[in-house]
């Protein structure tokens, strides 16, 4: 019961309607960096494994924010290859 109350408290600030990116993938679009960061905190509290989101980033295609489990260091190493 206590865990459910904690989840509900965290969940209150989350957007109700989910919009997806135009790239054809399954990425959720957030209007602001603050909204995306709030979702990172919410999901990180639920998931303690390596798949929990770590950060938000601005999408060059749709100009909205997305979240990812990939660290900035891993992304930079992939981008430089």
C-alpha atoms as a PDB file:
ATOM      1  CA  UNK A   1       0.000   0.000   0.000  1.00  0.00           C
ATOM      2  CA  UNK A   2       2.801   2.430   0.853  1.00  0.00           C
ATOM      3  CA  UNK A   3       4.553   1.752  -2.481  1.00  0.00           C
ATOM      4  CA  UNK A   4       1.335   2.450  -4.393  1.00  0.00           C
ATOM      5  CA  UNK A   5       0.932   5.810  -2.650  1.00  0.00           C
ATOM      6  CA  UNK A   6       4.513   6.728  -3.515  1.00  0.00           C
ATOM      7  CA  UNK A   7       3.963   5.811  -7.177  1.00  0.00           C
ATOM      8  CA  UNK A   8       0.751   7.830  -7.316  1.00  0.00           C
ATOM      9  CA  UNK A   9       2.527  10.857  -5.845  1.00  0.00           C
ATOM     10  CA  UNK A  10       5.275  10.631  -8.485  1.00  0.00           C
ATOM     11  CA  UNK A  11       2.762   9.977 -11.276  1.00  0.00           C
ATOM     12  CA  UNK A  12       0.652  13.109 -10.676  1.00  0.00           C
ATOM     13  CA  UNK A  13       2.882  15.390 -12.739  1.00  0.00           C
ATOM     14  CA  UNK A  14       3.033  13.086 -15.762  1.00  0.00           C
ATOM     15  CA  UNK A  15       1.261  13.996 -19.022  1.00  0.00           C
ATOM     16  CA  UNK A  16      -1.956  12.081 -19.693  1.00  0.00           C
ATOM     17  CA  UNK A  17      -1.826  11.939 -23.496  1.00  0.00           C
ATOM     18  CA  UNK A  18       1.139  10.243 -25.155  1.00  0.00           C
ATOM     19  CA  UNK A  19       2.421  11.420 -28.535  1.00  0.00           C
ATOM     20  CA  UNK A  20       4.921   9.428 -30.592  1.00  0.00           C
ATOM     21  CA  UNK A  21       7.860  10.652 -32.689  1.00  0.00           C
ATOM     22  CA  UNK A  22       7.449  11.001 -36.436  1.00  0.00           C
ATOM     23  CA  UNK A  23      10.413   8.725 -37.195  1.00  0.00           C
ATOM     24  CA  UNK A  24       8.085   5.713 -37.207  1.00  0.00           C
ATOM     25  CA  UNK A  25       9.609   4.366 -34.008  1.00  0.00           C
ATOM     26  CA  UNK A  26       8.013   4.019 -30.631  1.00  0.00           C
ATOM     27  CA  UNK A  27       9.638   7.051 -28.965  1.00  0.00           C
ATOM     28  CA  UNK A  28       7.402   9.189 -26.760  1.00  0.00           C
ATOM     29  CA  UNK A  29       7.540  12.944 -27.435  1.00  0.00           C
ATOM     30  CA  UNK A  30       7.785  15.425 -24.549  1.00  0.00           C
ATOM     31  CA  UNK A  31       7.238  19.155 -25.090  1.00  0.00           C
ATOM     32  CA  UNK A  32       9.850  20.302 -22.591  1.00  0.00           C
ATOM     33  CA  UNK A  33      13.082  19.031 -21.132  1.00  0.00           C
ATOM     34  CA  UNK A  34      11.519  19.283 -17.668  1.00  0.00           C
ATOM     35  CA  UNK A  35       8.696  16.905 -18.681  1.00  0.00           C
ATOM     36  CA  UNK A  36      11.200  14.416 -20.090  1.00  0.00           C
ATOM     37  CA  UNK A  37      13.409  14.636 -17.004  1.00  0.00           C
ATOM     38  CA  UNK A  38      10.373  14.070 -14.763  1.00  0.00           C
ATOM     39  CA  UNK A  39       9.594  10.908 -16.733  1.00  0.00           C
ATOM     40  CA  UNK A  40      13.223   9.752 -16.355  1.00  0.00           C
ATOM     41  CA  UNK A  41      12.942  10.171 -12.584  1.00  0.00           C
ATOM     42  CA  UNK A  42       9.592   8.347 -12.504  1.00  0.00           C
ATOM     43  CA  UNK A  43      10.760   5.372 -14.555  1.00  0.00           C
ATOM     44  CA  UNK A  44      14.116   5.184 -12.767  1.00  0.00           C
ATOM     45  CA  UNK A  45      12.243   4.877  -9.469  1.00  0.00           C
ATOM     46  CA  UNK A  46      10.297   1.917 -10.882  1.00  0.00           C
ATOM     47  CA  UNK A  47      13.175   0.141 -12.634  1.00  0.00           C
ATOM     48  CA  UNK A  48      16.549  -0.404 -11.039  1.00  0.00           C
ATOM     49  CA  UNK A  49      18.053  -2.434 -13.888  1.00  0.00           C
ATOM     50  CA  UNK A  50      20.250  -1.167 -16.704  1.00  0.00           C
ATOM     51  CA  UNK A  51      17.249  -0.546 -18.984  1.00  0.00           C
ATOM     52  CA  UNK A  52      15.952   2.270 -16.795  1.00  0.00           C
ATOM     53  CA  UNK A  53      16.128   5.615 -18.612  1.00  0.00           C
ATOM     54  CA  UNK A  54      19.151   7.705 -17.710  1.00  0.00           C
ATOM     55  CA  UNK A  55      18.697  10.986 -19.554  1.00  0.00           C
ATOM     56  CA  UNK A  56      16.631  13.058 -21.969  1.00  0.00           C
ATOM     57  CA  UNK A  57      17.684  14.450 -25.349  1.00  0.00           C
ATOM     58  CA  UNK A  58      16.323  16.783 -28.012  1.00  0.00           C
ATOM     59  CA  UNK A  59      15.321  14.994 -31.234  1.00  0.00           C
ATOM     60  CA  UNK A  60      16.630  16.655 -34.392  1.00  0.00           C
ATOM     61  CA  UNK A  61      13.739  15.256 -36.447  1.00  0.00           C
ATOM     62  CA  UNK A  62      10.660  16.279 -34.435  1.00  0.00           C
ATOM     63  CA  UNK A  63      12.208  19.002 -32.198  1.00  0.00           C
ATOM     64  CA  UNK A  64      10.701  17.384 -29.097  1.00  0.00           C
ATOM     65  CA  UNK A  65      12.374  15.677 -26.144  1.00  0.00           C
ATOM     66  CA  UNK A  66      12.799  11.908 -25.762  1.00  0.00           C
ATOM     67  CA  UNK A  67      14.260   9.710 -23.034  1.00  0.00           C
ATOM     68  CA  UNK A  68      16.878   6.992 -23.364  1.00  0.00           C
ATOM     69  CA  UNK A  69      18.653   4.354 -21.291  1.00  0.00           C
ATOM     70  CA  UNK A  70      21.896   5.036 -23.196  1.00  0.00           C
ATOM     71  CA  UNK A  71      24.395   7.120 -21.270  1.00  0.00           C
ATOM     72  CA  UNK A  72      25.923  10.215 -22.866  1.00  0.00           C
ATOM     73  CA  UNK A  73      29.352   8.511 -22.940  1.00  0.00           C
ATOM     74  CA  UNK A  74      27.987   5.463 -24.791  1.00  0.00           C
ATOM     75  CA  UNK A  75      26.197   7.721 -27.268  1.00  0.00           C
ATOM     76  CA  UNK A  76      29.344   9.755 -27.959  1.00  0.00           C
ATOM     77  CA  UNK A  77      31.397   6.591 -28.549  1.00  0.00           C
ATOM     78  CA  UNK A  78      28.790   5.298 -31.039  1.00  0.00           C
ATOM     79  CA  UNK A  79      28.592   8.669 -32.797  1.00  0.00           C
ATOM     80  CA  UNK A  80      32.365   8.820 -33.255  1.00  0.00           C
ATOM     81  CA  UNK A  81      32.572   5.396 -34.934  1.00  0.00           C
END
